[in-house]
Amino acid sequence: MQRRISRGFTLIELLVVIAIIAVLIALLLPAVQAAREAARRAQCVNNLKQLGLAVQNYISQQNAFPPLFTNFSAFPSAPTALANGDWMLGWAVSILPMMEQQALFNATNYSFGADQPQNLTLSQSKVSALICPSESLNTGTWLPSSFINYAANFGGPCNISAWNGAITPMASSSTGVNGLDFSNGNVGSRGIEGIQDGTSNTALFSEKLNGITVTTPIPAGSSGQPLRVAFLVSGITNTPDTGGAAQAVQFYQACKNLSTGTLSTADAFGFSGAVWAGGHGSTLRFNAYNHFNTPNGLTCIDTQPPGDVTDAVTASSNHSGGVNVGLCDGSVRFVKSSISYQTWWGIGSRAGSEIISSDSF
């Protein structure tokens, strides 16, 4: 009786099968990654909608938008200079009860700063609604779970009008905090009636990638996270309220045209987005941005150290092509990085009387 001999795969056939599997994986992986990013972006939109809804509920109770930072009276030197490490409580603390975080709000002690022992329970707690799922830097600079990816809009270029955004400091002192000028009347408490450009045309929140502290400066044109650091623009000093649009355009163009070899500043930028519960007189710190440079552009400063209202504190994200922006009416729009600076400035101001068409952003 003749025995039947089973035939195995040859080496060539095995290699062909492996090659086919590799090609299929190469074809499918980008699609899987795209689907995951679409889900992350949708979650980011939902987070911003929840923040917008929380602010609307806050306004219904307080008849005003939450302040950028508050509780000056907790600091002996207020409202002028703050000691190093004295972090006032930021806007996110004010809306905690409207975000189903009443227990965390109850743990807040307004007599102390966000970084002081009396408020460490607050500052060390992770609030998922304040974190974009697409953020790839998943730890805070100081407190591992304290970081935030959503920043409040404090206005457009200061040259035209400082503090003309939706969320501004509560103080109205002529000296401000850390030497910042609060004397132009744009700071203080305001309600919906203060958004004279229309709530659907005025930004409330946007995204901002966490800052990083680097020992070696990063070139502007590198792949080493230039959106997470700041760059100095030499030769231009922004003048709040009196510099005008011409000076603002000059600074914007200088920032956009920085050489790819320009190195980031030596100052630590790790405080950007580092502490969700903290606010600070220097606007770059923690949880604020402005409408100066367009989305996913570089953050540029006009003088050292970074952190003044005169700087371009840019909205940025890991989403391809733009950033999510929450508007004052509670809606969320995806704004492309290619938006014109005129439109971007327009949606940054609350009472600039700019004419913005519905299809311009």
Protein backbone atom coordinates (compact mmCIF):
# COMPACT_ATOMS: atom_id res chain seq x y z
CA MET A 1 0.00 0.00 0.00
CA GLN A 2 1.44 3.35 -1.07
CA ARG A 3 1.86 5.85 1.81
CA ARG A 4 0.73 9.45 1.16
CA ILE A 5 3.38 11.96 2.10
CA SER A 6 2.10 15.36 3.30
CA ARG A 7 3.94 18.33 1.84
CA GLY A 8 4.91 21.31 4.04
CA PHE A 9 5.50 24.96 3.14
CA THR A 10 8.68 25.84 1.37
CA LEU A 11 10.77 28.71 2.70
CA ILE A 12 9.79 30.89 -0.26
CA GLU A 13 6.09 30.31 0.33
CA LEU A 14 6.48 31.16 4.02
CA LEU A 15 8.28 34.38 3.18
CA VAL A 16 5.56 35.31 0.70
CA VAL A 17 2.85 34.80 3.34
CA ILE A 18 4.81 36.89 5.87
CA ALA A 19 5.28 39.64 3.28
CA ILE A 20 1.53 39.68 2.51
CA ILE A 21 0.70 39.93 6.22
CA ALA A 22 3.21 42.77 6.62
CA VAL A 23 1.66 44.68 3.71
CA LEU A 24 -1.83 44.24 5.17
CA ILE A 25 -0.65 45.50 8.56
CA ALA A 26 1.05 48.48 6.90
CA LEU A 27 -2.21 49.29 5.11
CA LEU A 28 -4.45 48.82 8.12
CA LEU A 29 -2.34 50.49 10.82
CA PRO A 30 -2.81 54.08 9.56
CA ALA A 31 -6.55 53.48 9.34
CA VAL A 32 -6.62 52.18 12.90
CA GLN A 33 -4.57 55.13 14.12
CA ALA A 34 -6.84 57.55 12.26
CA ALA A 35 -9.91 55.96 13.85
CA ARG A 36 -8.32 56.25 17.29
CA GLU A 37 -7.45 59.91 16.72
CA ALA A 38 -10.99 60.59 15.51
CA ALA A 39 -12.28 59.13 18.77
CA ARG A 40 -9.80 61.17 20.81
CA ARG A 41 -10.75 64.34 18.96
CA ALA A 42 -14.45 63.64 19.58
CA GLN A 43 -13.72 63.22 23.29
CA CYS A 44 -11.79 66.50 23.25
CA VAL A 45 -14.81 68.23 21.69
CA ASN A 46 -17.02 66.74 24.39
CA ASN A 47 -14.66 68.01 27.11
CA LEU A 48 -14.85 71.54 25.73
CA LYS A 49 -18.63 71.32 25.48
CA GLN A 50 -18.78 70.29 29.13
CA LEU A 51 -16.57 73.25 30.07
CA GLY A 52 -18.77 75.59 28.04
CA LEU A 53 -21.90 74.23 29.72
CA ALA A 54 -20.27 74.59 33.14
CA VAL A 55 -19.49 78.24 32.39
CA GLN A 56 -23.08 78.86 31.26
CA ASN A 57 -24.34 77.41 34.55
CA TYR A 58 -21.81 79.51 36.46
CA ILE A 59 -23.07 82.63 34.68
CA SER A 60 -26.67 81.75 35.52
CA GLN A 61 -25.69 81.68 39.21
CA GLN A 62 -23.14 84.48 39.41
CA ASN A 63 -24.20 86.70 36.47
CA ALA A 64 -20.56 86.79 35.40
CA PHE A 65 -17.88 84.72 33.70
CA PRO A 66 -15.42 82.99 36.04
CA PRO A 67 -12.24 85.03 36.63
CA LEU A 68 -8.91 83.99 35.13
CA PHE A 69 -7.49 83.87 38.65
CA THR A 70 -8.82 85.01 41.99
CA ASN A 71 -8.40 85.15 45.80
CA PHE A 72 -5.78 87.93 45.83
CA SER A 73 -6.56 88.53 49.49
CA ALA A 74 -4.91 85.23 50.37
CA PHE A 75 -1.51 86.76 49.70
CA PRO A 76 0.09 89.39 51.88
CA SER A 77 1.64 91.18 48.88
CA ALA A 78 -1.56 91.23 46.81
CA PRO A 79 -2.48 92.74 44.48
CA THR A 80 1.07 93.68 43.46
CA ALA A 81 3.87 91.10 43.38
CA LEU A 82 3.41 87.50 44.44
CA ALA A 83 6.08 85.49 46.17
CA ASN A 84 7.59 82.61 44.24
CA GLY A 85 5.29 79.61 44.41
CA ASP A 86 2.19 81.53 45.50
CA TRP A 87 -0.31 80.31 42.91
CA MET A 88 -3.72 81.90 43.04
CA LEU A 89 -6.74 79.72 42.30
CA GLY A 90 -7.56 79.55 38.59
CA TRP A 91 -10.78 79.62 36.58
CA ALA A 92 -11.22 75.84 36.69
CA VAL A 93 -11.71 75.90 40.46
CA SER A 94 -14.63 78.30 40.15
CA ILE A 95 -16.65 75.97 37.90
CA LEU A 96 -15.96 72.69 39.72
CA PRO A 97 -19.52 72.42 41.13
CA MET A 98 -20.87 72.75 37.58
CA MET A 99 -18.60 69.89 36.44
CA GLU A 100 -19.96 67.40 38.99
CA GLN A 101 -16.90 68.00 41.17
CA GLN A 102 -18.65 69.40 44.24
CA ALA A 103 -16.56 67.30 46.64
CA LEU A 104 -13.36 68.68 45.15
CA PHE A 105 -14.72 72.21 45.37
CA ASN A 106 -15.63 71.65 49.02
CA ALA A 107 -11.98 70.74 49.66
CA THR A 108 -10.84 74.14 48.37
CA ASN A 109 -9.54 76.68 50.86
CA TYR A 110 -9.74 80.16 49.32
CA SER A 111 -7.51 81.54 52.06
CA PHE A 112 -4.48 79.77 50.59
CA GLY A 113 -2.78 79.30 47.25
CA ALA A 114 -3.21 76.27 45.02
CA ASP A 115 0.32 75.07 45.81
CA GLN A 116 0.08 75.40 49.58
CA PRO A 117 -0.52 72.38 51.88
CA GLN A 118 -4.09 73.40 52.62
CA ASN A 119 -5.00 72.91 48.94
CA LEU A 120 -2.85 69.97 47.90
CA THR A 121 -5.88 67.66 47.90
CA LEU A 122 -7.32 69.98 45.27
CA SER A 123 -4.17 70.45 43.19
CA GLN A 124 -3.09 66.81 43.22
CA SER A 125 -6.43 65.48 42.03
CA LYS A 126 -6.72 64.51 38.37
CA VAL A 127 -9.74 65.91 36.53
CA SER A 128 -10.17 63.96 33.28
CA ALA A 129 -12.46 66.56 31.73
CA LEU A 130 -9.51 69.00 31.72
CA ILE A 131 -7.21 66.69 29.75
CA CYS A 132 -7.26 66.17 25.98
CA PRO A 133 -6.93 62.45 25.11
CA SER A 134 -4.53 63.36 22.29
CA GLU A 135 -2.03 64.91 24.70
CA SER A 136 1.11 62.77 24.50
CA LEU A 137 2.83 64.27 27.57
CA ASN A 138 0.92 62.54 30.33
CA THR A 139 2.45 64.05 33.43
CA GLY A 140 2.60 67.47 35.02
CA THR A 141 5.87 69.30 35.55
CA TRP A 142 5.41 69.62 39.30
CA LEU A 143 2.46 67.44 40.27
CA PRO A 144 2.10 64.29 38.12
CA SER A 145 -1.70 64.39 37.84
CA SER A 146 -2.19 68.15 37.88
CA PHE A 147 -1.81 69.10 34.22
CA ILE A 148 -4.46 70.76 32.04
CA ASN A 149 -4.88 71.01 28.27
CA TYR A 150 -7.66 73.58 28.10
CA ALA A 151 -6.80 77.24 28.36
CA ALA A 152 -8.99 80.32 28.80
CA ASN A 153 -8.95 83.05 26.17
CA PHE A 154 -7.76 86.32 27.72
CA GLY A 155 -7.86 88.28 24.44
CA GLY A 156 -6.23 89.24 21.18
CA PRO A 157 -3.03 91.24 20.68
CA CYS A 158 -2.40 93.50 23.66
CA ASN A 159 -1.16 96.21 21.29
CA ILE A 160 -4.74 96.79 20.14
CA SER A 161 -6.38 96.17 23.52
CA ALA A 162 -5.05 94.16 26.46
CA TRP A 163 -7.28 91.72 28.36
CA ASN A 164 -10.08 91.93 25.77
CA GLY A 165 -10.98 88.23 25.88
CA ALA A 166 -13.79 86.36 27.60
CA ILE A 167 -11.85 85.27 30.72
CA THR A 168 -9.81 87.95 32.48
CA PRO A 169 -8.42 88.66 35.96
CA MET A 170 -10.83 89.86 38.62
CA ALA A 171 -8.51 92.59 39.91
CA SER A 172 -8.82 96.21 38.84
CA SER A 173 -5.66 97.60 40.39
CA SER A 174 -3.53 99.93 38.28
CA THR A 175 -0.44 97.95 39.27
CA GLY A 176 -1.92 94.53 38.65
CA VAL A 177 -0.02 91.40 39.59
CA ASN A 178 3.67 90.78 38.92
CA GLY A 179 3.83 94.20 37.28
CA LEU A 180 1.08 93.45 34.72
CA ASP A 181 -1.01 96.47 33.79
CA PHE A 182 -4.70 96.10 34.68
CA SER A 183 -5.55 99.78 34.27
CA ASN A 184 -7.25 99.77 30.86
CA GLY A 185 -10.67 98.81 32.22
CA ASN A 186 -10.84 95.43 30.48
CA VAL A 187 -10.35 93.34 33.62
CA GLY A 188 -12.97 92.68 36.25
CA SER A 189 -16.33 90.94 36.41
CA ARG A 190 -18.68 90.80 33.40
CA GLY A 191 -21.62 88.78 32.19
CA ILE A 192 -22.94 87.78 28.78
CA GLU A 193 -23.71 91.43 28.05
CA GLY A 194 -19.95 92.05 27.92
CA ILE A 195 -19.55 89.82 24.86
CA GLN A 196 -20.54 92.56 22.43
CA ASP A 197 -19.16 90.80 19.36
CA GLY A 198 -21.62 87.94 19.88
CA THR A 199 -21.21 84.75 21.88
CA SER A 200 -20.99 82.62 18.73
CA ASN A 201 -18.09 84.74 17.44
CA THR A 202 -16.01 84.93 20.63
CA ALA A 203 -13.67 82.22 21.88
CA LEU A 204 -13.93 81.04 25.47
CA PHE A 205 -11.51 78.09 25.66
CA SER A 206 -9.07 76.33 23.36
CA GLU A 207 -6.41 73.67 23.60
CA LYS A 208 -2.80 74.14 24.62
CA LEU A 209 -0.13 71.45 24.69
CA ASN A 210 1.73 71.11 27.97
CA GLY A 211 4.98 73.00 28.21
CA ILE A 212 8.29 71.29 28.81
CA THR A 213 11.46 72.30 30.62
CA VAL A 214 14.54 71.64 28.51
CA THR A 215 18.22 71.78 29.39
CA THR A 216 19.16 72.25 25.72
CA PRO A 217 17.18 74.87 23.75
CA ILE A 218 15.03 73.51 20.92
CA PRO A 219 15.33 74.93 17.35
CA ALA A 220 12.12 76.40 15.96
CA GLY A 221 12.20 74.11 12.94
CA SER A 222 12.97 70.88 14.78
CA SER A 223 10.77 67.92 15.57
CA GLY A 224 11.64 68.24 19.25
CA GLN A 225 8.32 69.70 20.41
CA PRO A 226 8.81 73.39 19.46
CA LEU A 227 5.12 73.98 20.30
CA ARG A 228 5.88 73.19 23.95
CA VAL A 229 8.49 75.94 24.42
CA ALA A 230 8.74 79.71 23.87
CA PHE A 231 10.82 81.77 21.44
CA LEU A 232 12.13 85.31 21.81
CA VAL A 233 11.38 87.83 19.04
CA SER A 234 14.18 90.39 19.11
CA GLY A 235 13.81 94.05 18.27
CA ILE A 236 10.08 94.42 18.98
CA THR A 237 8.61 95.41 22.34
CA ASN A 238 4.85 95.14 22.39
CA THR A 239 3.06 98.13 23.93
CA PRO A 240 -0.30 97.37 25.58
CA ASP A 241 -3.24 99.47 24.31
CA THR A 242 -1.12 102.06 22.51
CA GLY A 243 0.98 100.01 20.07
CA GLY A 244 -1.92 99.55 17.67
CA ALA A 245 -2.57 97.04 14.93
CA ALA A 246 0.58 97.92 12.97
CA GLN A 247 2.84 96.89 15.85
CA ALA A 248 0.77 93.74 16.41
CA VAL A 249 1.12 92.74 12.75
CA GLN A 250 4.86 93.39 12.91
CA PHE A 251 5.27 91.11 15.91
CA TYR A 252 3.00 88.43 14.41
CA GLN A 253 4.96 88.36 11.15
CA ALA A 254 8.28 88.28 12.98
CA CYS A 255 7.07 85.31 15.00
CA LYS A 256 5.77 83.46 11.92
CA ASN A 257 9.02 84.09 10.04
CA LEU A 258 11.47 83.04 12.72
CA SER A 259 14.40 81.12 11.28
CA THR A 260 14.14 77.36 11.69
CA GLY A 261 17.42 77.52 13.58
CA THR A 262 16.16 80.01 16.18
CA LEU A 263 16.56 78.48 19.63
CA SER A 264 13.89 78.49 22.31
CA THR A 265 14.35 80.68 25.37
CA ALA A 266 16.44 79.53 28.28
CA ASP A 267 13.56 80.17 30.68
CA ALA A 268 11.63 77.15 31.85
CA PHE A 269 8.33 76.76 30.02
CA GLY A 270 7.27 73.74 32.02
CA PHE A 271 4.69 75.78 33.91
CA SER A 272 2.47 75.99 30.83
CA GLY A 273 -0.46 73.69 31.59
CA ALA A 274 1.28 72.29 34.64
CA VAL A 275 -1.31 72.95 37.38
CA TRP A 276 -5.01 73.00 36.55
CA ALA A 277 -6.04 74.48 39.91
CA GLY A 278 -3.51 77.30 39.80
CA GLY A 279 -3.73 80.77 38.34
CA HIS A 280 -0.93 83.29 38.05
CA GLY A 281 -0.38 86.94 37.33
CA SER A 282 1.93 85.96 34.48
CA THR A 283 -0.44 84.86 31.78
CA LEU A 284 1.68 82.11 30.24
CA ARG A 285 1.48 80.15 33.45
CA PHE A 286 -0.83 77.20 33.71
CA ASN A 287 -4.18 77.74 32.03
CA ALA A 288 -4.48 80.71 29.65
CA TYR A 289 -3.79 81.56 26.00
CA ASN A 290 -4.42 84.46 23.64
CA HIS A 291 -5.31 85.13 20.01
CA PHE A 292 -2.05 86.54 18.70
CA ASN A 293 -0.20 83.89 16.73
CA THR A 294 -2.52 81.53 14.86
CA PRO A 295 -3.23 77.94 16.06
CA ASN A 296 -0.28 75.55 16.22
CA GLY A 297 2.13 78.38 15.61
CA LEU A 298 5.05 79.15 17.90
CA THR A 299 4.62 80.81 21.27
CA CYS A 300 6.66 84.00 21.04
CA ILE A 301 7.68 86.52 23.69
CA ASP A 302 8.95 90.05 23.28
CA THR A 303 11.05 90.30 26.45
CA GLN A 304 12.52 87.95 29.02
CA PRO A 305 11.22 86.28 31.11
CA PRO A 306 8.13 84.80 29.46
CA GLY A 307 4.74 85.32 31.01
CA ASP A 308 3.55 88.85 30.24
CA VAL A 309 0.29 89.92 28.60
CA THR A 310 2.43 91.18 25.70
CA ASP A 311 3.46 87.67 24.67
CA ALA A 312 1.87 85.49 21.99
CA VAL A 313 0.60 82.49 23.97
CA THR A 314 -0.49 80.15 21.22
CA ALA A 315 -3.30 77.60 21.11
CA SER A 316 -1.90 74.22 20.12
CA SER A 317 -2.86 70.55 19.92
CA ASN A 318 -1.87 67.15 18.59
CA HIS A 319 -4.92 67.08 16.32
CA SER A 320 -3.97 67.18 12.66
CA GLY A 321 -4.50 70.57 11.05
CA GLY A 322 -5.87 72.69 13.86
CA VAL A 323 -7.35 73.02 17.34
CA ASN A 324 -10.75 72.70 18.96
CA VAL A 325 -12.15 76.01 20.21
CA GLY A 326 -15.05 76.37 22.63
CA LEU A 327 -17.09 79.53 22.01
CA CYS A 328 -18.99 81.67 24.51
CA ASP A 329 -22.34 80.26 23.37
CA GLY A 330 -21.26 76.77 24.43
CA SER A 331 -20.59 75.46 20.92
CA VAL A 332 -17.27 73.95 19.80
CA ARG A 333 -15.61 74.55 16.45
CA PHE A 334 -12.51 72.98 14.91
CA VAL A 335 -10.35 75.88 13.76
CA LYS A 336 -7.73 75.16 11.11
CA SER A 337 -4.14 76.23 11.61
CA SER A 338 -4.41 78.05 8.28
CA ILE A 339 -7.00 80.53 9.59
CA SER A 340 -6.14 84.16 8.75
CA TYR A 341 -4.70 86.14 11.61
CA GLN A 342 -7.39 88.82 11.16
CA THR A 343 -10.16 86.28 11.79
CA TRP A 344 -8.23 84.66 14.65
CA TRP A 345 -7.77 88.06 16.29
CA GLY A 346 -11.44 88.81 15.73
CA ILE A 347 -12.76 85.76 17.55
CA GLY A 348 -10.28 86.44 20.34
CA SER A 349 -11.78 89.80 21.30
CA ARG A 350 -15.14 90.18 23.02
CA ALA A 351 -15.88 93.77 21.95
CA GLY A 352 -13.63 94.59 19.00
CA SER A 353 -16.52 95.18 16.56
CA GLU A 354 -14.88 92.94 13.97
CA ILE A 355 -17.12 91.60 11.18
CA ILE A 356 -16.64 87.83 10.95
CA SER A 357 -18.52 85.76 8.39
CA SER A 358 -19.87 82.37 9.40
CA ASP A 359 -17.59 80.53 6.95
CA SER A 360 -14.34 82.31 7.84
CA PHE A 361 -13.40 79.89 10.64
